[in-house]
mmCIF file of all heavy atoms, coordinates in Angstrom:
data_MODEL
# 
_entry.id   MODEL 
# 
loop_
_atom_site.group_PDB 
_atom_site.id 
_atom_site.type_symbol 
_atom_site.label_atom_id 
_atom_site.label_alt_id 
_atom_site.label_comp_id 
_atom_site.label_asym_id 
_atom_site.label_entity_id 
_atom_site.label_seq_id 
_atom_site.pdbx_PDB_ins_code 
_atom_site.Cartn_x 
_atom_site.Cartn_y 
_atom_site.Cartn_z 
_atom_site.occupancy 
_atom_site.B_iso_or_equiv 
_atom_site.pdbx_formal_charge 
_atom_site.auth_seq_id 
_atom_site.auth_comp_id 
_atom_site.auth_asym_id 
_atom_site.auth_atom_id 
_atom_site.pdbx_PDB_model_num 
ATOM 1   N N   . SER A 1 1  ? -4.951  9.098  -21.028 1.00 0.00 ? 1  SER A N   1 
ATOM 2   C CA  . SER A 1 1  ? -5.776  10.016 -20.248 1.00 0.00 ? 1  SER A CA  1 
ATOM 3   C C   . SER A 1 1  ? -7.113  9.340  -19.971 1.00 0.00 ? 1  SER A C   1 
ATOM 4   O O   . SER A 1 1  ? -7.765  8.838  -20.887 1.00 0.00 ? 1  SER A O   1 
ATOM 5   C CB  . SER A 1 1  ? -5.994  11.318 -21.020 1.00 0.00 ? 1  SER A CB  1 
ATOM 6   O OG  . SER A 1 1  ? -6.862  12.182 -20.320 1.00 0.00 ? 1  SER A OG  1 
ATOM 7   N N   . PHE A 1 2  ? -7.506  9.308  -18.688 1.00 0.00 ? 2  PHE A N   1 
ATOM 8   C CA  . PHE A 1 2  ? -8.777  8.725  -18.288 1.00 0.00 ? 2  PHE A CA  1 
ATOM 9   C C   . PHE A 1 2  ? -9.700  9.856  -17.850 1.00 0.00 ? 2  PHE A C   1 
ATOM 10  O O   . PHE A 1 2  ? -9.435  10.543 -16.866 1.00 0.00 ? 2  PHE A O   1 
ATOM 11  C CB  . PHE A 1 2  ? -8.577  7.720  -17.155 1.00 0.00 ? 2  PHE A CB  1 
ATOM 12  C CG  . PHE A 1 2  ? -7.646  6.600  -17.518 1.00 0.00 ? 2  PHE A CG  1 
ATOM 13  C CD1 . PHE A 1 2  ? -6.332  6.585  -17.056 1.00 0.00 ? 2  PHE A CD1 1 
ATOM 14  C CD2 . PHE A 1 2  ? -8.065  5.569  -18.348 1.00 0.00 ? 2  PHE A CD2 1 
ATOM 15  C CE1 . PHE A 1 2  ? -5.468  5.573  -17.400 1.00 0.00 ? 2  PHE A CE1 1 
ATOM 16  C CE2 . PHE A 1 2  ? -7.209  4.538  -18.704 1.00 0.00 ? 2  PHE A CE2 1 
ATOM 17  C CZ  . PHE A 1 2  ? -5.890  4.535  -18.230 1.00 0.00 ? 2  PHE A CZ  1 
ATOM 18  N N   . VAL A 1 3  ? -10.771 10.059 -18.615 1.00 0.00 ? 3  VAL A N   1 
ATOM 19  C CA  . VAL A 1 3  ? -11.730 11.129 -18.343 1.00 0.00 ? 3  VAL A CA  1 
ATOM 20  C C   . VAL A 1 3  ? -12.966 10.489 -17.722 1.00 0.00 ? 3  VAL A C   1 
ATOM 21  O O   . VAL A 1 3  ? -13.694 9.736  -18.381 1.00 0.00 ? 3  VAL A O   1 
ATOM 22  C CB  . VAL A 1 3  ? -12.108 11.880 -19.633 1.00 0.00 ? 3  VAL A CB  1 
ATOM 23  C CG1 . VAL A 1 3  ? -13.099 13.001 -19.320 1.00 0.00 ? 3  VAL A CG1 1 
ATOM 24  C CG2 . VAL A 1 3  ? -10.862 12.450 -20.311 1.00 0.00 ? 3  VAL A CG2 1 
ATOM 25  N N   . TRP A 1 4  ? -13.220 10.792 -16.451 1.00 0.00 ? 4  TRP A N   1 
ATOM 26  C CA  . TRP A 1 4  ? -14.346 10.197 -15.730 1.00 0.00 ? 4  TRP A CA  1 
ATOM 27  C C   . TRP A 1 4  ? -15.585 11.043 -15.965 1.00 0.00 ? 4  TRP A C   1 
ATOM 28  O O   . TRP A 1 4  ? -15.605 12.230 -15.711 1.00 0.00 ? 4  TRP A O   1 
ATOM 29  C CB  . TRP A 1 4  ? -13.990 10.061 -14.254 1.00 0.00 ? 4  TRP A CB  1 
ATOM 30  C CG  . TRP A 1 4  ? -12.796 9.176  -14.105 1.00 0.00 ? 4  TRP A CG  1 
ATOM 31  C CD1 . TRP A 1 4  ? -11.481 9.556  -14.083 1.00 0.00 ? 4  TRP A CD1 1 
ATOM 32  C CD2 . TRP A 1 4  ? -12.797 7.753  -14.064 1.00 0.00 ? 4  TRP A CD2 1 
ATOM 33  N NE1 . TRP A 1 4  ? -10.665 8.459  -14.019 1.00 0.00 ? 4  TRP A NE1 1 
ATOM 34  C CE2 . TRP A 1 4  ? -11.441 7.326  -14.014 1.00 0.00 ? 4  TRP A CE2 1 
ATOM 35  C CE3 . TRP A 1 4  ? -13.803 6.784  -14.068 1.00 0.00 ? 4  TRP A CE3 1 
ATOM 36  C CZ2 . TRP A 1 4  ? -11.077 5.988  -13.954 1.00 0.00 ? 4  TRP A CZ2 1 
ATOM 37  C CZ3 . TRP A 1 4  ? -13.441 5.445  -14.014 1.00 0.00 ? 4  TRP A CZ3 1 
ATOM 38  C CH2 . TRP A 1 4  ? -12.098 5.059  -13.951 1.00 0.00 ? 4  TRP A CH2 1 
ATOM 39  N N   . HIS A 1 5  ? -16.610 10.377 -16.482 1.00 0.00 ? 5  HIS A N   1 
ATOM 40  C CA  . HIS A 1 5  ? -17.758 11.058 -17.058 1.00 0.00 ? 5  HIS A CA  1 
ATOM 41  C C   . HIS A 1 5  ? -19.030 10.402 -16.552 1.00 0.00 ? 5  HIS A C   1 
ATOM 42  O O   . HIS A 1 5  ? -18.983 9.361  -15.910 1.00 0.00 ? 5  HIS A O   1 
ATOM 43  C CB  . HIS A 1 5  ? -17.655 10.939 -18.596 1.00 0.00 ? 5  HIS A CB  1 
ATOM 44  C CG  . HIS A 1 5  ? -18.192 12.086 -19.366 1.00 0.00 ? 5  HIS A CG  1 
ATOM 45  N ND1 . HIS A 1 5  ? -19.520 12.200 -19.688 1.00 0.00 ? 5  HIS A ND1 1 
ATOM 46  C CD2 . HIS A 1 5  ? -17.574 13.171 -19.912 1.00 0.00 ? 5  HIS A CD2 1 
ATOM 47  C CE1 . HIS A 1 5  ? -19.705 13.311 -20.409 1.00 0.00 ? 5  HIS A CE1 1 
ATOM 48  N NE2 . HIS A 1 5  ? -18.540 13.916 -20.549 1.00 0.00 ? 5  HIS A NE2 1 
ATOM 49  N N   . GLY A 1 6  ? -20.176 10.992 -16.860 1.00 0.00 ? 6  GLY A N   1 
ATOM 50  C CA  . GLY A 1 6  ? -21.441 10.434 -16.402 1.00 0.00 ? 6  GLY A CA  1 
ATOM 51  C C   . GLY A 1 6  ? -22.537 10.629 -17.417 1.00 0.00 ? 6  GLY A C   1 
ATOM 52  O O   . GLY A 1 6  ? -22.268 10.690 -18.610 1.00 0.00 ? 6  GLY A O   1 
ATOM 53  N N   . GLY A 1 7  ? -23.764 10.892 -16.898 1.00 0.00 ? 7  GLY A N   1 
ATOM 54  C CA  . GLY A 1 7  ? -24.165 11.201 -15.549 1.00 0.00 ? 7  GLY A CA  1 
ATOM 55  C C   . GLY A 1 7  ? -23.267 12.208 -14.835 1.00 0.00 ? 7  GLY A C   1 
ATOM 56  O O   . GLY A 1 7  ? -22.574 13.000 -15.433 1.00 0.00 ? 7  GLY A O   1 
ATOM 57  N N   . GLU A 1 8  ? -23.357 12.141 -13.520 1.00 0.00 ? 8  GLU A N   1 
ATOM 58  C CA  . GLU A 1 8  ? -22.504 12.987 -12.681 1.00 0.00 ? 8  GLU A CA  1 
ATOM 59  C C   . GLU A 1 8  ? -21.514 12.094 -11.940 1.00 0.00 ? 8  GLU A C   1 
ATOM 60  O O   . GLU A 1 8  ? -21.869 11.414 -10.974 1.00 0.00 ? 8  GLU A O   1 
ATOM 61  C CB  . GLU A 1 8  ? -23.345 13.791 -11.688 1.00 0.00 ? 8  GLU A CB  1 
ATOM 62  C CG  . GLU A 1 8  ? -22.551 14.541 -10.645 1.00 0.00 ? 8  GLU A CG  1 
ATOM 63  C CD  . GLU A 1 8  ? -21.366 15.306 -11.236 1.00 0.00 ? 8  GLU A CD  1 
ATOM 64  O OE1 . GLU A 1 8  ? -21.576 16.113 -12.170 1.00 0.00 ? 8  GLU A OE1 1 
ATOM 65  O OE2 . GLU A 1 8  ? -20.228 15.095 -10.772 1.00 0.00 ? 8  GLU A OE2 1 
ATOM 66  N N   . PRO A 1 9  ? -20.258 12.065 -12.385 1.00 0.00 ? 9  PRO A N   1 
ATOM 67  C CA  . PRO A 1 9  ? -19.292 11.122 -11.803 1.00 0.00 ? 9  PRO A CA  1 
ATOM 68  C C   . PRO A 1 9  ? -18.968 11.385 -10.337 1.00 0.00 ? 9  PRO A C   1 
ATOM 69  O O   . PRO A 1 9  ? -18.587 10.459 -9.620  1.00 0.00 ? 9  PRO A O   1 
ATOM 70  C CB  . PRO A 1 9  ? -18.057 11.283 -12.695 1.00 0.00 ? 9  PRO A CB  1 
ATOM 71  C CG  . PRO A 1 9  ? -18.206 12.620 -13.324 1.00 0.00 ? 9  PRO A CG  1 
ATOM 72  C CD  . PRO A 1 9  ? -19.682 12.832 -13.496 1.00 0.00 ? 9  PRO A CD  1 
ATOM 73  N N   . LEU A 1 10 ? -19.116 12.629 -9.870  1.00 0.00 ? 10 LEU A N   1 
ATOM 74  C CA  . LEU A 1 10 ? -18.766 12.913 -8.486  1.00 0.00 ? 10 LEU A CA  1 
ATOM 75  C C   . LEU A 1 10 ? -19.858 12.488 -7.502  1.00 0.00 ? 10 LEU A C   1 
ATOM 76  O O   . LEU A 1 10 ? -19.719 12.701 -6.294  1.00 0.00 ? 10 LEU A O   1 
ATOM 77  C CB  . LEU A 1 10 ? -18.431 14.390 -8.304  1.00 0.00 ? 10 LEU A CB  1 
ATOM 78  C CG  . LEU A 1 10 ? -17.129 14.836 -8.970  1.00 0.00 ? 10 LEU A CG  1 
ATOM 79  C CD1 . LEU A 1 10 ? -16.798 16.277 -8.618  1.00 0.00 ? 10 LEU A CD1 1 
ATOM 80  C CD2 . LEU A 1 10 ? -15.962 13.929 -8.618  1.00 0.00 ? 10 LEU A CD2 1 
ATOM 81  N N   . LEU A 1 11 ? -20.923 11.846 -7.995  1.00 0.00 ? 11 LEU A N   1 
ATOM 82  C CA  . LEU A 1 11 ? -21.865 11.202 -7.096  1.00 0.00 ? 11 LEU A CA  1 
ATOM 83  C C   . LEU A 1 11 ? -21.336 9.857  -6.613  1.00 0.00 ? 11 LEU A C   1 
ATOM 84  O O   . LEU A 1 11 ? -21.892 9.265  -5.684  1.00 0.00 ? 11 LEU A O   1 
ATOM 85  C CB  . LEU A 1 11 ? -23.227 11.029 -7.773  1.00 0.00 ? 11 LEU A CB  1 
ATOM 86  C CG  . LEU A 1 11 ? -23.974 12.333 -8.072  1.00 0.00 ? 11 LEU A CG  1 
ATOM 87  C CD1 . LEU A 1 11 ? -25.257 12.048 -8.837  1.00 0.00 ? 11 LEU A CD1 1 
ATOM 88  C CD2 . LEU A 1 11 ? -24.272 13.116 -6.796  1.00 0.00 ? 11 LEU A CD2 1 
ATOM 89  N N   . LEU A 1 12 ? -20.261 9.348  -7.230  1.00 0.00 ? 12 LEU A N   1 
ATOM 90  C CA  . LEU A 1 12 ? -19.592 8.170  -6.707  1.00 0.00 ? 12 LEU A CA  1 
ATOM 91  C C   . LEU A 1 12 ? -18.902 8.524  -5.395  1.00 0.00 ? 12 LEU A C   1 
ATOM 92  O O   . LEU A 1 12 ? -18.528 9.682  -5.164  1.00 0.00 ? 12 LEU A O   1 
ATOM 93  C CB  . LEU A 1 12 ? -18.549 7.643  -7.698  1.00 0.00 ? 12 LEU A CB  1 
ATOM 94  C CG  . LEU A 1 12 ? -19.036 6.616  -8.733  1.00 0.00 ? 12 LEU A CG  1 
ATOM 95  C CD1 . LEU A 1 12 ? -20.044 7.233  -9.686  1.00 0.00 ? 12 LEU A CD1 1 
ATOM 96  C CD2 . LEU A 1 12 ? -17.847 6.044  -9.502  1.00 0.00 ? 12 LEU A CD2 1 
ATOM 97  N N   . SER A 1 13 ? -18.686 7.537  -4.563  1.00 0.00 ? 13 SER A N   1 
ATOM 98  C CA  . SER A 1 13 ? -18.074 7.782  -3.261  1.00 0.00 ? 13 SER A CA  1 
ATOM 99  C C   . SER A 1 13 ? -16.568 7.966  -3.385  1.00 0.00 ? 13 SER A C   1 
ATOM 100 O O   . SER A 1 13 ? -15.952 7.492  -4.353  1.00 0.00 ? 13 SER A O   1 
ATOM 101 C CB  . SER A 1 13 ? -18.346 6.601  -2.335  1.00 0.00 ? 13 SER A CB  1 
ATOM 102 O OG  . SER A 1 13 ? -17.606 5.460  -2.775  1.00 0.00 ? 13 SER A OG  1 
ATOM 103 N N   . PRO A 1 14 ? -15.943 8.646  -2.417  1.00 0.00 ? 14 PRO A N   1 
ATOM 104 C CA  . PRO A 1 14 ? -14.474 8.714  -2.404  1.00 0.00 ? 14 PRO A CA  1 
ATOM 105 C C   . PRO A 1 14 ? -13.845 7.325  -2.409  1.00 0.00 ? 14 PRO A C   1 
ATOM 106 O O   . PRO A 1 14 ? -12.778 7.131  -3.005  1.00 0.00 ? 14 PRO A O   1 
ATOM 107 C CB  . PRO A 1 14 ? -14.169 9.475  -1.109  1.00 0.00 ? 14 PRO A CB  1 
ATOM 108 C CG  . PRO A 1 14 ? -15.397 10.289 -0.849  1.00 0.00 ? 14 PRO A CG  1 
ATOM 109 C CD  . PRO A 1 14 ? -16.545 9.444  -1.332  1.00 0.00 ? 14 PRO A CD  1 
ATOM 110 N N   . GLY A 1 15 ? -14.502 6.365  -1.771  1.00 0.00 ? 15 GLY A N   1 
ATOM 111 C CA  . GLY A 1 15 ? -13.969 5.011  -1.761  1.00 0.00 ? 15 GLY A CA  1 
ATOM 112 C C   . GLY A 1 15 ? -13.878 4.407  -3.152  1.00 0.00 ? 15 GLY A C   1 
ATOM 113 O O   . GLY A 1 15 ? -12.935 3.661  -3.458  1.00 0.00 ? 15 GLY A O   1 
ATOM 114 N N   . ALA A 1 16 ? -14.848 4.722  -4.012  1.00 0.00 ? 16 ALA A N   1 
ATOM 115 C CA  . ALA A 1 16 ? -14.805 4.222  -5.386  1.00 0.00 ? 16 ALA A CA  1 
ATOM 116 C C   . ALA A 1 16 ? -13.601 4.783  -6.126  1.00 0.00 ? 16 ALA A C   1 
ATOM 117 O O   . ALA A 1 16 ? -12.933 4.069  -6.884  1.00 0.00 ? 16 ALA A O   1 
ATOM 118 C CB  . ALA A 1 16 ? -16.103 4.581  -6.109  1.00 0.00 ? 16 ALA A CB  1 
ATOM 119 N N   . TYR A 1 17 ? -13.309 6.056  -5.892  1.00 0.00 ? 17 TYR A N   1 
ATOM 120 C CA  . TYR A 1 17 ? -12.149 6.658  -6.550  1.00 0.00 ? 17 TYR A CA  1 
ATOM 121 C C   . TYR A 1 17 ? -10.844 6.153  -5.954  1.00 0.00 ? 17 TYR A C   1 
ATOM 122 O O   . TYR A 1 17 ? -9.842  5.995  -6.668  1.00 0.00 ? 17 TYR A O   1 
ATOM 123 C CB  . TYR A 1 17 ? -12.246 8.181  -6.487  1.00 0.00 ? 17 TYR A CB  1 
ATOM 124 C CG  . TYR A 1 17 ? -13.253 8.722  -7.482  1.00 0.00 ? 17 TYR A CG  1 
ATOM 125 C CD1 . TYR A 1 17 ? -14.502 9.174  -7.069  1.00 0.00 ? 17 TYR A CD1 1 
ATOM 126 C CD2 . TYR A 1 17 ? -12.969 8.741  -8.842  1.00 0.00 ? 17 TYR A CD2 1 
ATOM 127 C CE1 . TYR A 1 17 ? -15.432 9.638  -7.981  1.00 0.00 ? 17 TYR A CE1 1 
ATOM 128 C CE2 . TYR A 1 17 ? -13.888 9.193  -9.769  1.00 0.00 ? 17 TYR A CE2 1 
ATOM 129 C CZ  . TYR A 1 17 ? -15.120 9.652  -9.335  1.00 0.00 ? 17 TYR A CZ  1 
ATOM 130 O OH  . TYR A 1 17 ? -16.034 10.087 -10.243 1.00 0.00 ? 17 TYR A OH  1 
ATOM 131 N N   . ALA A 1 18 ? -10.830 5.873  -4.652  1.00 0.00 ? 18 ALA A N   1 
ATOM 132 C CA  . ALA A 1 18 ? -9.632  5.297  -4.036  1.00 0.00 ? 18 ALA A CA  1 
ATOM 133 C C   . ALA A 1 18 ? -9.320  3.933  -4.646  1.00 0.00 ? 18 ALA A C   1 
ATOM 134 O O   . ALA A 1 18 ? -8.152  3.592  -4.902  1.00 0.00 ? 18 ALA A O   1 
ATOM 135 C CB  . ALA A 1 18 ? -9.815  5.183  -2.526  1.00 0.00 ? 18 ALA A CB  1 
ATOM 136 N N   . ALA A 1 19 ? -10.372 3.149  -4.921  1.00 0.00 ? 19 ALA A N   1 
ATOM 137 C CA  . ALA A 1 19 ? -10.172 1.843  -5.543  1.00 0.00 ? 19 ALA A CA  1 
ATOM 138 C C   . ALA A 1 19 ? -9.628  1.991  -6.966  1.00 0.00 ? 19 ALA A C   1 
ATOM 139 O O   . ALA A 1 19 ? -8.793  1.193  -7.410  1.00 0.00 ? 19 ALA A O   1 
ATOM 140 C CB  . ALA A 1 19 ? -11.483 1.064  -5.554  1.00 0.00 ? 19 ALA A CB  1 
ATOM 141 N N   . ILE A 1 20 ? -10.086 3.015  -7.681  1.00 0.00 ? 20 ILE A N   1 
ATOM 142 C CA  . ILE A 1 20 ? -9.581  3.272  -9.032  1.00 0.00 ? 20 ILE A CA  1 
ATOM 143 C C   . ILE A 1 20 ? -8.089  3.578  -8.987  1.00 0.00 ? 20 ILE A C   1 
ATOM 144 O O   . ILE A 1 20 ? -7.300  3.037  -9.781  1.00 0.00 ? 20 ILE A O   1 
ATOM 145 C CB  . ILE A 1 20 ? -10.363 4.436  -9.669  1.00 0.00 ? 20 ILE A CB  1 
ATOM 146 C CG1 . ILE A 1 20 ? -11.774 3.989  -10.039 1.00 0.00 ? 20 ILE A CG1 1 
ATOM 147 C CG2 . ILE A 1 20 ? -9.628  4.980  -10.893 1.00 0.00 ? 20 ILE A CG2 1 
ATOM 148 C CD1 . ILE A 1 20 ? -12.715 5.130  -10.368 1.00 0.00 ? 20 ILE A CD1 1 
ATOM 149 N N   . VAL A 1 21 ? -7.685  4.434  -8.074  1.00 0.00 ? 21 VAL A N   1 
ATOM 150 C CA  . VAL A 1 21 ? -6.268  4.788  -7.941  1.00 0.00 ? 21 VAL A CA  1 
ATOM 151 C C   . VAL A 1 21 ? -5.433  3.549  -7.647  1.00 0.00 ? 21 VAL A C   1 
ATOM 152 O O   . VAL A 1 21 ? -4.363  3.336  -8.238  1.00 0.00 ? 21 VAL A O   1 
ATOM 153 C CB  . VAL A 1 21 ? -6.086  5.845  -6.835  1.00 0.00 ? 21 VAL A CB  1 
ATOM 154 C CG1 . VAL A 1 21 ? -4.602  6.048  -6.517  1.00 0.00 ? 21 VAL A CG1 1 
ATOM 155 C CG2 . VAL A 1 21 ? -6.711  7.163  -7.250  1.00 0.00 ? 21 VAL A CG2 1 
ATOM 156 N N   . THR A 1 22 ? -5.926  2.699  -6.742  1.00 0.00 ? 22 THR A N   1 
ATOM 157 C CA  . THR A 1 22 ? -5.195  1.479  -6.389  1.00 0.00 ? 22 THR A CA  1 
ATOM 158 C C   . THR A 1 22 ? -5.025  0.574  -7.600  1.00 0.00 ? 22 THR A C   1 
ATOM 159 O O   . THR A 1 22 ? -3.930  0.038  -7.848  1.00 0.00 ? 22 THR A O   1 
ATOM 160 C CB  . THR A 1 22 ? -5.937  0.732  -5.268  1.00 0.00 ? 22 THR A CB  1 
ATOM 161 O OG1 . THR A 1 22 ? -6.002  1.567  -4.105  1.00 0.00 ? 22 THR A OG1 1 
ATOM 162 C CG2 . THR A 1 22 ? -5.218  -0.568 -4.914  1.00 0.00 ? 22 THR A CG2 1 
ATOM 163 N N   . GLN A 1 23 ? -6.090  0.410  -8.376  1.00 0.00 ? 23 GLN A N   1 
ATOM 164 C CA  . GLN A 1 23 ? -6.013  -0.440 -9.562  1.00 0.00 ? 23 GLN A CA  1 
ATOM 165 C C   . GLN A 1 23 ? -5.041  0.129  -10.590 1.00 0.00 ? 23 GLN A C   1 
ATOM 166 O O   . GLN A 1 23 ? -4.240  -0.609 -11.183 1.00 0.00 ? 23 GLN A O   1 
ATOM 167 C CB  . GLN A 1 23 ? -7.397  -0.597 -10.189 1.00 0.00 ? 23 GLN A CB  1 
ATOM 168 C CG  . GLN A 1 23 ? -8.317  -1.540 -9.449  1.00 0.00 ? 23 GLN A CG  1 
ATOM 169 C CD  . GLN A 1 23 ? -9.562  -1.848 -10.255 1.00 0.00 ? 23 GLN A CD  1 
ATOM 170 O OE1 . GLN A 1 23 ? -9.946  -1.107 -11.158 1.00 0.00 ? 23 GLN A OE1 1 
ATOM 171 N NE2 . GLN A 1 23 ? -10.212 -2.953 -9.949  1.00 0.00 ? 23 GLN A NE2 1 
ATOM 172 N N   . GLN A 1 24 ? -5.111  1.412  -10.829 1.00 0.00 ? 24 GLN A N   1 
ATOM 173 C CA  . GLN A 1 24 ? -4.206  2.018  -11.810 1.00 0.00 ? 24 GLN A CA  1 
ATOM 174 C C   . GLN A 1 24 ? -2.746  1.839  -11.405 1.00 0.00 ? 24 GLN A C   1 
ATOM 175 O O   . GLN A 1 24 ? -1.898  1.477  -12.229 1.00 0.00 ? 24 GLN A O   1 
ATOM 176 C CB  . GLN A 1 24 ? -4.543  3.504  -11.981 1.00 0.00 ? 24 GLN A CB  1 
ATOM 177 C CG  . GLN A 1 24 ? -5.840  3.767  -12.716 1.00 0.00 ? 24 GLN A CG  1 
ATOM 178 C CD  . GLN A 1 24 ? -6.156  5.244  -12.814 1.00 0.00 ? 24 GLN A CD  1 
ATOM 179 O OE1 . GLN A 1 24 ? -5.792  6.031  -11.943 1.00 0.00 ? 24 GLN A OE1 1 
ATOM 180 N NE2 . GLN A 1 24 ? -6.854  5.633  -13.868 1.00 0.00 ? 24 GLN A NE2 1 
ATOM 181 N N   . GLN A 1 25 ? -2.455  2.093  -10.148 1.00 0.00 ? 25 GLN A N   1 
ATOM 182 C CA  . GLN A 1 25 ? -1.080  1.967  -9.672  1.00 0.00 ? 25 GLN A CA  1 
ATOM 183 C C   . GLN A 1 25 ? -0.593  0.524  -9.748  1.00 0.00 ? 25 GLN A C   1 
ATOM 184 O O   . GLN A 1 25 ? 0.605   0.281  -9.990  1.00 0.00 ? 25 GLN A O   1 
ATOM 185 C CB  . GLN A 1 25 ? -0.976  2.493  -8.251  1.00 0.00 ? 25 GLN A CB  1 
ATOM 186 C CG  . GLN A 1 25 ? -1.170  3.998  -8.140  1.00 0.00 ? 25 GLN A CG  1 
ATOM 187 C CD  . GLN A 1 25 ? -1.216  4.489  -6.707  1.00 0.00 ? 25 GLN A CD  1 
ATOM 188 O OE1 . GLN A 1 25 ? -1.446  3.718  -5.769  1.00 0.00 ? 25 GLN A OE1 1 
ATOM 189 N NE2 . GLN A 1 25 ? -1.020  5.793  -6.520  1.00 0.00 ? 25 GLN A NE2 1 
# 
C-alpha cells in the first residue's frame, strides 16, 4: 500500500501522478 502524504500531496500536478502510475505499472 502506497499512502501519498505531505504537506498537501494534491498540490502536485496530475502529470506527477500520471508518472507515478506509469512507474508502478
